[in-house]
């Protein structure tokens, strides 16, 4: 036996190769290609695995096989290296079987290695969301009938629930509500694909906001400079005004938003523009609330958020009163 031939009782090596279905097939890491070319045998249970055509083109022979844990250990006898390409569903029975054999202590186990051949990039799970939404739109009796107008109320509800999670400081709720808001965006974009006159997709939505962000951040992506948040805001407003070509600073302010928020937004536009505006006066609580909202905005306070804080305190007071009164009182 020469120096390069391992002894007959050498346990060998098992490599479990995993890939991300969100990365284009064939885009594997260099260690993965080295392992594929160096293995004594390459196995895959899925004959339709998307990597197989690229591996064969690269000269890697792949045998379709679903070995048991014991069969895989036996295949490694004599110091052989067997590489198993994991299926999309994973190979849980095989890995569980290997774990049981290793735990038994009755046999010499080959070296076990998990080798990720490709990794998800940040944001890769968004592709899953788009795919799931596409299937739901096509197969769900309720989702397939929804329209932009029909879903509008849910966008408002989810936005308020997100705000509540932020204000309550609940991280778990924040995570969930961000997902619900994201769903609204993807859902509307999926519906928009079906428009016969002016369709657009979620890629168009993402592309549009990317272009806008780059254009409005020349201090990040260009040669401009901004030393303070105020500098950034001033440039943003200038760029936005040039883009929109509005005839009034009130344009683009949604009148359907809550009254206090509407008043504060108008006041913010007026203050930023340096415009002198006489505040209308009149009888009734509406004008009193307007004056309070304008004062809050001038002091850097969000009147809508401030009122919600007070309202939650009032809610707690109601519950305290209910508790003190007791049942049946």
Protein backbone atom coordinates (compact mmCIF):
# COMPACT_ATOMS: atom_id res chain seq x y z
CA UNK A 1 0.00 0.00 0.00
CA UNK A 2 1.46 3.37 -1.03
CA UNK A 3 1.47 6.54 1.05
CA UNK A 4 -1.56 8.07 -0.71
CA UNK A 5 -3.84 5.08 -0.23
CA UNK A 6 -5.76 5.26 3.05
CA UNK A 7 -6.03 2.11 5.16
CA UNK A 8 -8.98 -0.16 4.53
CA UNK A 9 -10.49 0.62 7.90
CA UNK A 10 -10.28 4.43 7.50
CA UNK A 11 -13.78 5.83 8.20
CA UNK A 12 -13.72 8.37 5.38
CA UNK A 13 -15.67 11.60 5.12
CA UNK A 14 -19.25 12.73 4.46
CA UNK A 15 -19.90 16.21 3.09
CA UNK A 16 -23.45 17.55 3.10
CA UNK A 17 -23.57 20.34 0.52
CA UNK A 18 -26.32 22.92 0.93
CA UNK A 19 -27.32 25.62 -1.54
CA UNK A 20 -29.79 28.48 -1.47
CA UNK A 21 -32.61 28.33 -3.98
CA UNK A 22 -32.60 32.14 -3.90
CA UNK A 23 -29.16 32.24 -5.54
CA UNK A 24 -28.83 31.42 -9.24
CA UNK A 25 -27.79 27.78 -9.81
CA UNK A 26 -24.11 27.33 -10.55
CA UNK A 27 -23.00 30.27 -8.43
CA UNK A 28 -21.20 28.16 -5.86
CA UNK A 29 -18.30 29.00 -3.57
CA UNK A 30 -14.76 27.96 -4.45
CA UNK A 31 -14.57 25.51 -1.50
CA UNK A 32 -17.77 23.92 -2.79
CA UNK A 33 -16.34 23.42 -6.28
CA UNK A 34 -13.16 21.98 -4.77
CA UNK A 35 -15.20 19.52 -2.69
CA UNK A 36 -17.33 18.53 -5.67
CA UNK A 37 -14.32 17.80 -7.87
CA UNK A 38 -12.39 16.08 -5.09
CA UNK A 39 -15.13 13.74 -3.82
CA UNK A 40 -15.01 10.04 -4.64
CA UNK A 41 -18.78 10.06 -5.12
CA UNK A 42 -21.40 12.79 -5.43
CA UNK A 43 -24.99 11.83 -4.63
CA UNK A 44 -28.32 13.63 -4.92
CA UNK A 45 -31.77 12.24 -4.23
CA UNK A 46 -33.54 14.82 -6.41
CA UNK A 47 -33.11 14.17 -10.12
CA UNK A 48 -34.55 17.63 -10.86
CA UNK A 49 -32.25 19.55 -8.51
CA UNK A 50 -31.50 22.90 -10.22
CA UNK A 51 -27.75 22.55 -9.62
CA UNK A 52 -27.36 19.30 -11.54
CA UNK A 53 -27.12 20.67 -15.11
CA UNK A 54 -24.38 23.09 -14.02
CA UNK A 55 -22.46 20.42 -12.15
CA UNK A 56 -22.53 18.06 -15.12
CA UNK A 57 -21.41 20.89 -17.41
CA UNK A 58 -18.46 21.40 -15.05
CA UNK A 59 -17.55 17.72 -15.35
CA UNK A 60 -18.90 16.58 -11.98
CA UNK A 61 -20.62 13.20 -12.08
CA UNK A 62 -23.71 13.11 -9.89
CA UNK A 63 -25.48 9.84 -9.11
CA UNK A 64 -29.14 9.88 -8.14
CA UNK A 65 -29.37 8.02 -4.84
CA UNK A 66 -31.08 8.24 -1.45
CA UNK A 67 -28.78 6.24 0.83
CA UNK A 68 -29.65 5.45 4.39
CA UNK A 69 -27.26 6.59 7.09
CA UNK A 70 -25.71 3.12 7.33
CA UNK A 71 -25.34 2.85 3.55
CA UNK A 72 -23.60 6.23 3.49
CA UNK A 73 -21.20 5.21 6.24
CA UNK A 74 -20.43 1.99 4.36
CA UNK A 75 -19.80 3.97 1.16
CA UNK A 76 -17.12 5.97 2.98
CA UNK A 77 -15.18 2.85 4.01
CA UNK A 78 -11.55 2.88 3.02
CA UNK A 79 -11.20 6.59 3.49
CA UNK A 80 -13.54 7.59 0.66
CA UNK A 81 -15.20 11.00 0.55
CA UNK A 82 -18.89 10.99 -0.33
CA UNK A 83 -20.59 14.31 -1.00
CA UNK A 84 -24.37 14.53 -0.69
CA UNK A 85 -26.17 17.44 -2.37
CA UNK A 86 -29.03 18.40 -0.07
CA UNK A 87 -32.48 18.67 -1.60
CA UNK A 88 -34.66 21.75 -1.28
CA UNK A 89 -36.60 20.08 1.52
CA UNK A 90 -33.40 19.10 3.30
CA UNK A 91 -32.29 15.59 4.18
CA UNK A 92 -33.62 15.28 7.70
CA UNK A 93 -33.99 11.47 7.74
CA UNK A 94 -30.38 11.09 6.62
CA UNK A 95 -28.93 13.57 9.11
CA UNK A 96 -31.05 12.15 11.93
CA UNK A 97 -29.84 8.66 11.01
CA UNK A 98 -26.21 9.77 11.05
CA UNK A 99 -26.74 11.37 14.44
CA UNK A 100 -28.19 8.14 15.83
CA UNK A 101 -25.30 6.09 14.49
CA UNK A 102 -22.78 8.53 15.94
CA UNK A 103 -24.55 8.47 19.29
CA UNK A 104 -24.59 4.69 19.46
CA UNK A 105 -20.79 4.48 19.72
CA UNK A 106 -20.85 1.07 18.01
CA UNK A 107 -19.18 2.03 14.74
CA UNK A 108 -16.37 4.26 13.56
CA UNK A 109 -18.08 7.24 12.01
CA UNK A 110 -16.69 9.13 9.02
CA UNK A 111 -15.90 12.79 9.46
CA UNK A 112 -19.10 14.78 8.96
CA UNK A 113 -18.98 18.22 7.36
CA UNK A 114 -21.74 20.68 6.49
CA UNK A 115 -20.58 22.83 3.59
CA UNK A 116 -22.79 25.76 2.51
CA UNK A 117 -22.16 26.25 -1.20
CA UNK A 118 -24.13 29.48 -1.50
CA UNK A 119 -25.53 31.92 0.99
CA UNK A 120 -28.61 34.11 0.93
CA UNK A 121 -27.91 37.78 0.38
CA UNK A 122 -29.60 40.35 2.66
CA UNK A 123 -33.21 40.69 1.57
CA UNK A 124 -33.32 37.27 -0.07
CA UNK A 125 -36.43 36.24 1.84
CA UNK A 126 -38.30 38.99 0.00
CA UNK A 127 -38.16 36.70 -3.03
CA UNK A 128 -40.01 34.07 -1.02
CA UNK A 129 -42.67 36.62 -0.10
CA UNK A 130 -43.18 37.56 -3.75
CA UNK A 131 -43.46 33.88 -4.70
CA UNK A 132 -45.91 33.09 -1.91
CA UNK A 133 -48.01 36.14 -2.73
CA UNK A 134 -48.14 35.10 -6.38
CA UNK A 135 -49.44 31.65 -5.45
CA UNK A 136 -51.98 33.06 -3.01
CA UNK A 137 -53.25 35.53 -5.58
CA UNK A 138 -53.76 32.72 -8.06
CA UNK A 139 -55.25 30.08 -5.78
CA UNK A 140 -56.95 31.71 -2.76
CA UNK A 141 -60.68 32.43 -3.32
CA UNK A 142 -60.53 35.57 -1.16
CA UNK A 143 -57.16 36.99 -2.20
CA UNK A 144 -57.80 36.45 -5.90
CA UNK A 145 -60.81 38.78 -5.76
CA UNK A 146 -59.24 41.69 -3.90
CA UNK A 147 -58.74 45.14 -5.44
CA UNK A 148 -56.68 48.19 -4.50
CA UNK A 149 -59.79 49.91 -3.13
CA UNK A 150 -60.90 46.86 -1.19
CA UNK A 151 -57.52 46.53 0.50
CA UNK A 152 -57.06 50.23 1.29
CA UNK A 153 -58.60 49.98 4.76
CA UNK A 154 -56.17 47.21 5.71
CA UNK A 155 -53.20 49.39 4.80
CA UNK A 156 -54.49 52.03 7.21
CA UNK A 157 -55.14 49.50 9.96
CA UNK A 158 -51.73 47.89 9.61
CA UNK A 159 -49.99 51.27 9.64
CA UNK A 160 -51.72 52.18 12.92
CA UNK A 161 -50.86 48.81 14.44
CA UNK A 162 -47.23 49.39 13.46
CA UNK A 163 -47.26 52.80 15.14
CA UNK A 164 -48.75 51.27 18.27
CA UNK A 165 -46.05 48.59 18.39
CA UNK A 166 -43.38 51.29 18.08
CA UNK A 167 -44.90 53.44 20.80
CA UNK A 168 -45.41 50.48 23.11
CA UNK A 169 -41.80 49.38 22.60
CA UNK A 170 -42.86 45.79 21.90
CA UNK A 171 -40.13 44.26 19.73
CA UNK A 172 -42.06 41.10 18.91
CA UNK A 173 -45.08 43.13 17.84
CA UNK A 174 -42.83 45.46 15.86
CA UNK A 175 -41.42 42.53 13.91
CA UNK A 176 -44.88 41.17 13.15
CA UNK A 177 -46.43 44.52 12.22
CA UNK A 178 -43.58 45.40 9.88
CA UNK A 179 -44.33 42.14 8.09
CA UNK A 180 -48.02 43.03 7.87
CA UNK A 181 -47.21 46.43 6.37
CA UNK A 182 -44.80 44.82 3.91
CA UNK A 183 -47.53 42.39 2.91
CA UNK A 184 -49.76 45.30 1.91
CA UNK A 185 -47.06 46.63 -0.43
CA UNK A 186 -46.45 43.24 -2.06
CA UNK A 187 -50.19 42.52 -2.31
CA UNK A 188 -50.95 45.81 -4.06
CA UNK A 189 -47.99 45.34 -6.39
CA UNK A 190 -49.21 41.86 -7.31
CA UNK A 191 -52.67 43.22 -8.10
CA UNK A 192 -51.11 45.99 -10.19
CA UNK A 193 -49.48 43.40 -12.45
CA UNK A 194 -52.92 42.45 -13.75
CA UNK A 195 -53.88 45.94 -14.89
CA UNK A 196 -54.48 45.86 -18.63
CA UNK A 197 -53.61 49.51 -19.28
CA UNK A 198 -50.69 50.38 -16.99
CA UNK A 199 -49.39 47.31 -15.16
CA UNK A 200 -46.41 47.42 -12.84
CA UNK A 201 -44.74 44.92 -10.54
CA UNK A 202 -43.05 44.86 -7.17
CA UNK A 203 -39.75 45.26 -9.02
CA UNK A 204 -41.02 48.52 -10.49
CA UNK A 205 -42.02 49.65 -7.00
CA UNK A 206 -38.61 48.78 -5.59
CA UNK A 207 -36.80 50.29 -8.56
CA UNK A 208 -38.71 53.53 -8.21
CA UNK A 209 -37.91 54.01 -4.54
CA UNK A 210 -34.25 53.06 -5.09
CA UNK A 211 -33.94 55.70 -7.79
CA UNK A 212 -35.67 58.27 -5.58
CA UNK A 213 -33.44 57.53 -2.58
CA UNK A 214 -30.26 57.81 -4.62
CA UNK A 215 -31.40 61.05 -6.23
CA UNK A 216 -32.35 62.59 -2.90
CA UNK A 217 -29.15 61.56 -1.13
CA UNK A 218 -26.38 63.16 -3.20
CA UNK A 219 -24.39 63.51 0.04
CA UNK A 220 -24.25 59.70 0.14
CA UNK A 221 -24.18 58.73 -3.56
CA UNK A 222 -22.80 61.91 -5.10
CA UNK A 223 -20.47 64.82 -4.51
CA UNK A 224 -22.67 66.95 -2.24
CA UNK A 225 -22.06 67.20 1.48
CA UNK A 226 -24.41 67.33 4.44
CA UNK A 227 -23.10 67.73 7.97
CA UNK A 228 -26.33 67.81 9.94
CA UNK A 229 -29.80 66.25 9.77
CA UNK A 230 -31.12 69.73 8.99
CA UNK A 231 -28.87 69.91 5.91
CA UNK A 232 -30.23 66.57 4.73
CA UNK A 233 -33.84 67.64 5.26
CA UNK A 234 -33.31 70.94 3.46
CA UNK A 235 -31.81 69.22 0.44
CA UNK A 236 -34.58 66.60 0.46
CA UNK A 237 -37.24 69.30 0.39
CA UNK A 238 -35.51 71.23 -2.40
CA UNK A 239 -35.13 68.13 -4.52
CA UNK A 240 -38.69 67.06 -3.85
CA UNK A 241 -40.04 70.49 -4.81
CA UNK A 242 -38.07 70.42 -8.07
CA UNK A 243 -39.36 66.94 -8.86
CA UNK A 244 -42.99 67.62 -8.10
CA UNK A 245 -43.23 71.13 -9.59
CA UNK A 246 -46.07 71.94 -7.20
CA UNK A 247 -48.00 75.19 -7.41
CA UNK A 248 -48.80 75.13 -3.68
CA UNK A 249 -47.00 73.80 -0.66
CA UNK A 250 -50.28 72.17 0.36
CA UNK A 251 -50.17 69.79 -2.60
CA UNK A 252 -49.35 66.22 -1.71
CA UNK A 253 -50.70 66.47 1.83
CA UNK A 254 -53.40 63.81 2.21
CA UNK A 255 -56.52 65.40 3.64
CA UNK A 256 -57.82 62.03 4.82
CA UNK A 257 -55.26 61.68 7.61
CA UNK A 258 -56.23 62.37 11.25
CA UNK A 259 -56.99 66.02 11.93
CA UNK A 260 -54.15 66.73 14.35
CA UNK A 261 -51.62 65.14 12.01
CA UNK A 262 -53.05 67.12 9.09
CA UNK A 263 -52.76 70.40 10.95
CA UNK A 264 -49.19 69.60 12.02
CA UNK A 265 -48.18 68.67 8.47
CA UNK A 266 -49.57 71.91 7.09
CA UNK A 267 -47.77 73.87 9.82
CA UNK A 268 -44.52 72.08 9.07
CA UNK A 269 -44.72 72.97 5.37
CA UNK A 270 -45.51 76.59 6.23
CA UNK A 271 -42.65 76.87 8.71
CA UNK A 272 -40.15 75.26 6.34
CA UNK A 273 -41.17 77.60 3.52
CA UNK A 274 -40.86 80.63 5.81
CA UNK A 275 -44.37 81.73 4.86
CA UNK A 276 -46.33 84.10 7.06
CA UNK A 277 -49.86 82.74 7.43
CA UNK A 278 -52.60 84.16 9.62
CA UNK A 279 -54.15 81.34 11.60
CA UNK A 280 -57.93 81.33 11.10
CA UNK A 281 -60.02 81.88 14.19
CA UNK A 282 -63.52 80.79 14.93
CA UNK A 283 -65.86 79.37 17.49
CA UNK A 284 -65.78 75.75 18.54
CA UNK A 285 -63.43 73.04 19.61
CA UNK A 286 -62.09 72.56 16.08
CA UNK A 287 -60.31 75.91 16.06
CA UNK A 288 -59.05 75.30 19.59
CA UNK A 289 -57.57 71.98 18.49
CA UNK A 290 -56.03 73.65 15.45
CA UNK A 291 -54.30 76.21 17.65
CA UNK A 292 -53.01 73.44 19.94
CA UNK A 293 -51.74 71.42 16.98
CA UNK A 294 -49.90 74.43 15.53
CA UNK A 295 -48.35 75.21 18.90
CA UNK A 296 -47.23 71.60 19.33
CA UNK A 297 -45.62 71.51 15.89
CA UNK A 298 -43.80 74.78 16.56
CA UNK A 299 -42.40 73.24 19.76
CA UNK A 300 -41.26 70.09 17.97
CA UNK A 301 -44.04 67.90 19.37
CA UNK A 302 -46.11 65.53 17.25
CA UNK A 303 -49.65 66.40 18.38
CA UNK A 304 -51.10 63.13 17.11
CA UNK A 305 -48.56 61.06 19.05
CA UNK A 306 -48.98 63.26 22.11
CA UNK A 307 -52.74 62.75 22.06
CA UNK A 308 -52.28 58.98 21.73
CA UNK A 309 -50.06 58.99 24.82
CA UNK A 310 -52.72 60.90 26.73
CA UNK A 311 -55.45 58.63 25.38
CA UNK A 312 -53.58 55.53 26.59
CA UNK A 313 -53.30 57.14 30.03
CA UNK A 314 -57.05 57.72 29.90
CA UNK A 315 -57.57 54.08 28.89
CA UNK A 316 -55.54 52.97 31.92
CA UNK A 317 -57.63 55.23 34.13
CA UNK A 318 -60.81 53.66 32.74
CA UNK A 319 -59.50 50.18 33.54
CA UNK A 320 -58.50 51.27 37.03
CA UNK A 321 -61.97 52.66 37.60
CA UNK A 322 -63.53 49.43 36.38
CA UNK A 323 -61.33 47.40 38.74
CA UNK A 324 -62.11 49.55 41.74
CA UNK A 325 -65.82 49.38 41.04
CA UNK A 326 -65.72 45.62 40.98
CA UNK A 327 -68.03 43.15 39.20
CA UNK A 328 -71.75 43.77 39.42
CA UNK A 329 -71.37 47.27 40.83
